Protein backbone atom coordinates (compact mmCIF):
# COMPACT_ATOMS: atom_id res chain seq x y z
CA MET A 1 88.38 133.58 5.90
CA ASN A 2 85.43 132.53 8.04
CA GLU A 3 87.70 130.36 10.16
CA GLU A 4 89.68 133.40 11.26
CA LEU A 5 86.45 135.16 12.20
CA PHE A 6 85.25 132.13 14.15
CA GLN A 7 88.54 132.04 16.05
CA ALA A 8 88.20 135.74 16.85
CA MET A 9 84.67 135.12 18.11
CA ALA A 10 85.87 132.37 20.42
CA GLN A 11 88.70 134.57 21.68
CA SER A 12 86.32 137.43 22.45
CA ILE A 13 84.41 135.12 24.77
CA ILE A 14 87.58 133.80 26.39
CA ASP A 15 88.69 137.40 26.96
CA GLY A 16 85.25 138.38 28.28
CA ASP A 17 85.23 141.27 25.79
CA THR A 18 81.53 142.01 25.31
CA ASP A 19 82.05 144.94 22.92
CA LYS A 20 84.28 142.82 20.70
CA ALA A 21 81.87 139.89 20.76
CA VAL A 22 78.96 142.12 19.72
CA SER A 23 81.08 143.73 16.98
CA LEU A 24 82.04 140.31 15.61
CA ALA A 25 78.43 139.15 15.69
CA ASN A 26 77.45 142.17 13.62
CA GLN A 27 80.39 141.55 11.29
CA ALA A 28 79.20 137.99 10.73
CA ILE A 29 75.74 139.27 9.82
CA ALA A 30 77.22 141.83 7.42
CA GLN A 31 79.26 139.10 5.72
CA GLY A 32 76.24 136.84 5.32
CA ILE A 33 77.52 134.15 7.67
CA PRO A 34 74.60 132.03 8.94
CA PRO A 35 73.88 133.07 12.54
CA MET A 36 73.90 129.47 13.75
CA ASP A 37 77.39 128.99 12.29
CA ALA A 38 78.57 132.08 14.14
CA ILE A 39 77.11 130.75 17.37
CA ASN A 40 78.21 127.13 17.11
CA LYS A 41 81.51 127.43 15.24
CA GLY A 42 82.58 130.67 16.89
CA PHE A 43 81.19 131.87 20.19
CA VAL A 44 80.28 128.48 21.67
CA GLN A 45 83.87 127.34 21.21
CA GLY A 46 84.99 130.14 23.51
CA VAL A 47 82.39 129.26 26.13
CA ASN A 48 83.42 125.62 26.04
CA TYR A 49 87.08 126.54 26.43
CA ILE A 50 86.62 128.84 29.41
CA GLY A 51 84.18 126.36 30.96
CA ASN A 52 86.75 123.59 30.76
CA GLU A 53 89.43 125.89 32.16
CA PHE A 54 87.14 126.76 35.07
CA ALA A 55 86.38 123.10 35.74
CA GLU A 56 90.11 122.34 35.85
CA GLY A 57 90.88 125.25 38.17
CA CYS A 58 92.74 127.20 35.50
CA ALA A 59 90.14 129.96 35.25
CA PHE A 60 88.19 131.70 37.98
CA LEU A 61 84.63 132.80 38.64
CA PRO A 62 85.03 136.42 37.39
CA GLU A 63 86.37 135.10 34.07
CA LEU A 64 83.44 132.72 33.75
CA VAL A 65 80.97 135.51 34.54
CA MET A 66 82.52 137.82 31.92
CA ALA A 67 82.56 135.05 29.33
CA GLY A 68 78.91 134.29 30.00
CA ASP A 69 77.92 137.96 29.72
CA SER A 70 79.84 138.32 26.45
CA MET A 71 78.27 135.19 25.01
CA LYS A 72 74.81 136.34 26.02
CA ALA A 73 75.30 139.70 24.29
CA ALA A 74 76.60 138.14 21.09
CA VAL A 75 73.81 135.57 20.94
CA ALA A 76 71.22 138.33 21.46
CA VAL A 77 72.49 140.05 18.30
CA LEU A 78 72.44 136.83 16.31
CA GLU A 79 69.03 135.73 17.58
CA THR A 80 67.60 139.03 16.33
CA GLU A 81 68.93 138.13 12.90
CA LEU A 82 67.53 134.62 13.20
CA ALA A 83 64.11 136.06 13.99
CA LYS A 84 64.20 138.12 10.78
CA THR A 85 64.68 134.96 8.74
CA GLY A 86 62.10 133.01 10.70
CA ALA A 87 64.76 130.59 11.91
CA THR A 88 65.31 129.59 15.53
CA ARG A 89 68.04 127.95 17.56
CA ASP A 90 67.53 124.32 18.43
CA VAL A 91 66.35 124.19 22.03
CA VAL A 92 68.03 121.48 24.09
CA GLY A 93 65.43 121.68 26.85
CA THR A 94 63.38 124.10 28.93
CA VAL A 95 64.55 125.10 32.39
CA VAL A 96 62.85 127.03 35.19
CA ILE A 97 65.42 128.42 37.61
CA GLY A 98 65.32 130.51 40.75
CA THR A 99 66.58 131.06 44.27
CA VAL A 100 64.14 129.65 46.80
CA GLN A 101 61.93 131.70 49.10
CA GLY A 102 63.76 133.20 52.06
CA ASP A 103 66.99 133.57 50.11
CA ILE A 104 68.05 136.56 48.00
CA HIS A 105 71.44 135.36 46.74
CA ASP A 106 71.58 135.88 43.00
CA ILE A 107 75.06 135.66 41.46
CA GLY A 108 75.49 131.88 41.32
CA LYS A 109 71.92 131.27 40.19
CA SER A 110 72.17 133.92 37.47
CA LEU A 111 75.43 132.49 36.16
CA VAL A 112 73.89 129.02 35.93
CA GLY A 113 70.99 130.54 34.00
CA VAL A 114 73.29 132.32 31.57
CA MET A 115 75.43 129.23 30.98
CA LEU A 116 72.37 127.07 30.37
CA SER A 117 70.99 129.68 27.97
CA VAL A 118 74.15 130.02 25.90
CA ASN A 119 74.37 126.25 25.70
CA GLY A 120 70.99 125.98 23.99
CA PHE A 121 68.51 125.72 26.85
CA GLU A 122 65.41 127.89 27.03
CA VAL A 123 65.73 129.44 30.48
CA HIS A 124 63.03 131.07 32.56
CA ASP A 125 64.72 132.83 35.48
CA LEU A 126 62.26 133.59 38.27
CA GLY A 127 64.80 135.60 40.26
CA VAL A 128 65.26 135.34 44.02
CA ASP A 129 63.02 134.70 47.03
CA VAL A 130 60.77 132.54 44.84
CA PRO A 131 57.80 130.76 46.48
CA ILE A 132 57.44 127.07 45.69
CA VAL A 133 54.09 127.64 44.00
CA LYS A 134 55.76 129.96 41.46
CA PHE A 135 58.29 127.29 40.52
CA VAL A 136 55.46 124.81 40.00
CA GLU A 137 53.24 127.21 38.07
CA LYS A 138 56.07 128.22 35.75
CA ALA A 139 57.05 124.59 35.18
CA ILE A 140 53.49 123.83 34.10
CA GLU A 141 53.17 127.01 32.00
CA THR A 142 56.41 126.39 30.07
CA ASN A 143 56.17 122.59 29.94
CA ALA A 144 59.59 122.56 31.60
CA ASP A 145 62.00 119.66 31.43
CA LEU A 146 64.05 120.85 34.39
CA VAL A 147 63.61 122.94 37.51
CA ALA A 148 66.80 124.29 39.09
CA ALA A 149 66.61 125.62 42.64
CA SER A 150 69.39 127.49 44.41
CA ALA A 151 69.78 128.03 48.15
CA LEU A 152 72.74 129.74 49.80
CA LEU A 153 71.46 129.52 53.38
CA THR A 154 70.94 126.49 55.60
CA THR A 155 67.71 128.13 56.73
CA SER A 156 66.33 128.20 53.19
CA MET A 157 67.68 124.97 51.73
CA THR A 158 64.74 122.98 53.12
CA ARG A 159 62.66 124.76 50.46
CA GLN A 160 64.44 122.58 47.92
CA ARG A 161 62.85 119.56 49.58
CA ASP A 162 59.48 121.35 49.54
CA LEU A 163 59.88 121.94 45.81
CA VAL A 164 60.49 118.28 45.05
CA GLU A 165 57.47 117.32 47.14
CA ALA A 166 55.26 119.96 45.48
CA LEU A 167 56.16 118.76 42.00
CA ASP A 168 55.48 115.20 43.13
CA ASP A 169 52.09 116.21 44.55
CA MET A 170 51.19 117.73 41.18
CA GLY A 171 52.16 114.55 39.37
CA LEU A 172 55.03 116.22 37.53
CA ARG A 173 58.05 114.32 38.80
CA SER A 174 57.91 111.72 36.05
CA LYS A 175 58.56 114.49 33.53
CA VAL A 176 60.30 117.33 35.38
CA LYS A 177 63.83 116.76 36.64
CA VAL A 178 65.00 118.76 39.65
CA ILE A 179 68.56 119.93 40.20
CA VAL A 180 69.75 121.79 43.28
CA GLY A 181 72.76 123.91 44.13
CA GLY A 182 74.14 126.43 46.57
CA ALA A 183 76.73 126.49 49.34
CA PRO A 184 74.95 124.20 51.84
CA ALA A 185 73.73 121.70 49.22
CA THR A 186 75.60 118.46 48.53
CA PRO A 187 75.10 115.36 46.38
CA THR A 188 73.92 113.56 49.53
CA TRP A 189 71.38 116.29 50.24
CA ALA A 190 70.07 116.07 46.67
CA LYS A 191 69.64 112.32 47.02
CA ASP A 192 68.00 112.61 50.44
CA ILE A 193 65.32 115.02 49.22
CA GLY A 194 64.61 113.09 46.02
CA ALA A 195 66.15 115.59 43.61
CA ASP A 196 67.72 114.29 40.39
CA GLY A 197 71.12 115.87 40.87
CA TYR A 198 73.39 118.49 42.39
CA SER A 199 76.00 120.77 40.89
CA ALA A 200 78.58 122.92 42.62
CA ASP A 201 79.00 125.35 39.74
CA ALA A 202 77.56 126.61 36.46
CA VAL A 203 79.69 124.42 34.21
CA GLY A 204 78.67 121.32 36.12
CA ALA A 205 75.03 122.38 35.99
CA VAL A 206 75.11 122.43 32.19
CA GLU A 207 76.63 118.97 32.04
CA LEU A 208 74.15 117.67 34.62
CA ALA A 209 71.20 119.14 32.74
CA ARG A 210 72.37 117.57 29.50
CA SER A 211 72.92 114.17 31.07
CA LEU A 212 69.52 114.15 32.76
CA LEU A 213 67.72 114.95 29.53
CA ALA A 214 69.79 112.45 27.55
CA ALA A 215 68.92 109.71 30.03
CA ARG A 216 65.17 110.14 29.65
């Protein structure tokens, strides 16, 4: 019986049907299904499927965005239930993310944040036009494992270098990994500025974040 519900949960994410995902999350609670089972055996399966489809070019950005929004809504319902029982999701790692100062592009950065969140990361999204000092302060405040900086303009991407240098100046680079992204960024750019990695999309960012933490 539960297996059918888990499959429906996964399908709601694949379809990007937020209302259905929320309804199924509430149904799981009503049936006494452990929230973590609903997340891991149901909704996460849908995210993983659409993520793989996107990576292979079989799904497109709007589908990924809708899947991420649906997953976020379902998890919010289930995390409320977890809080009532005093339980919490296992946190893979803590990430501070934002678009660097001088740049107000938001969609790609926000999608990376959502995908990291639904894959078990604690995400602190600073928004757009974020000064370097705010990245550093938030990394210290949250004891972050990763800082992710987006830049969509060639005029602002140099701030990614400034971020790496600022974290280094504060003695944080041995602990805090830095990943960069955005249209003008490349793997070569990431290497040149001393960042720990680059991703072209949200699915790749999740895999990169996982691999960086696993390698520590």
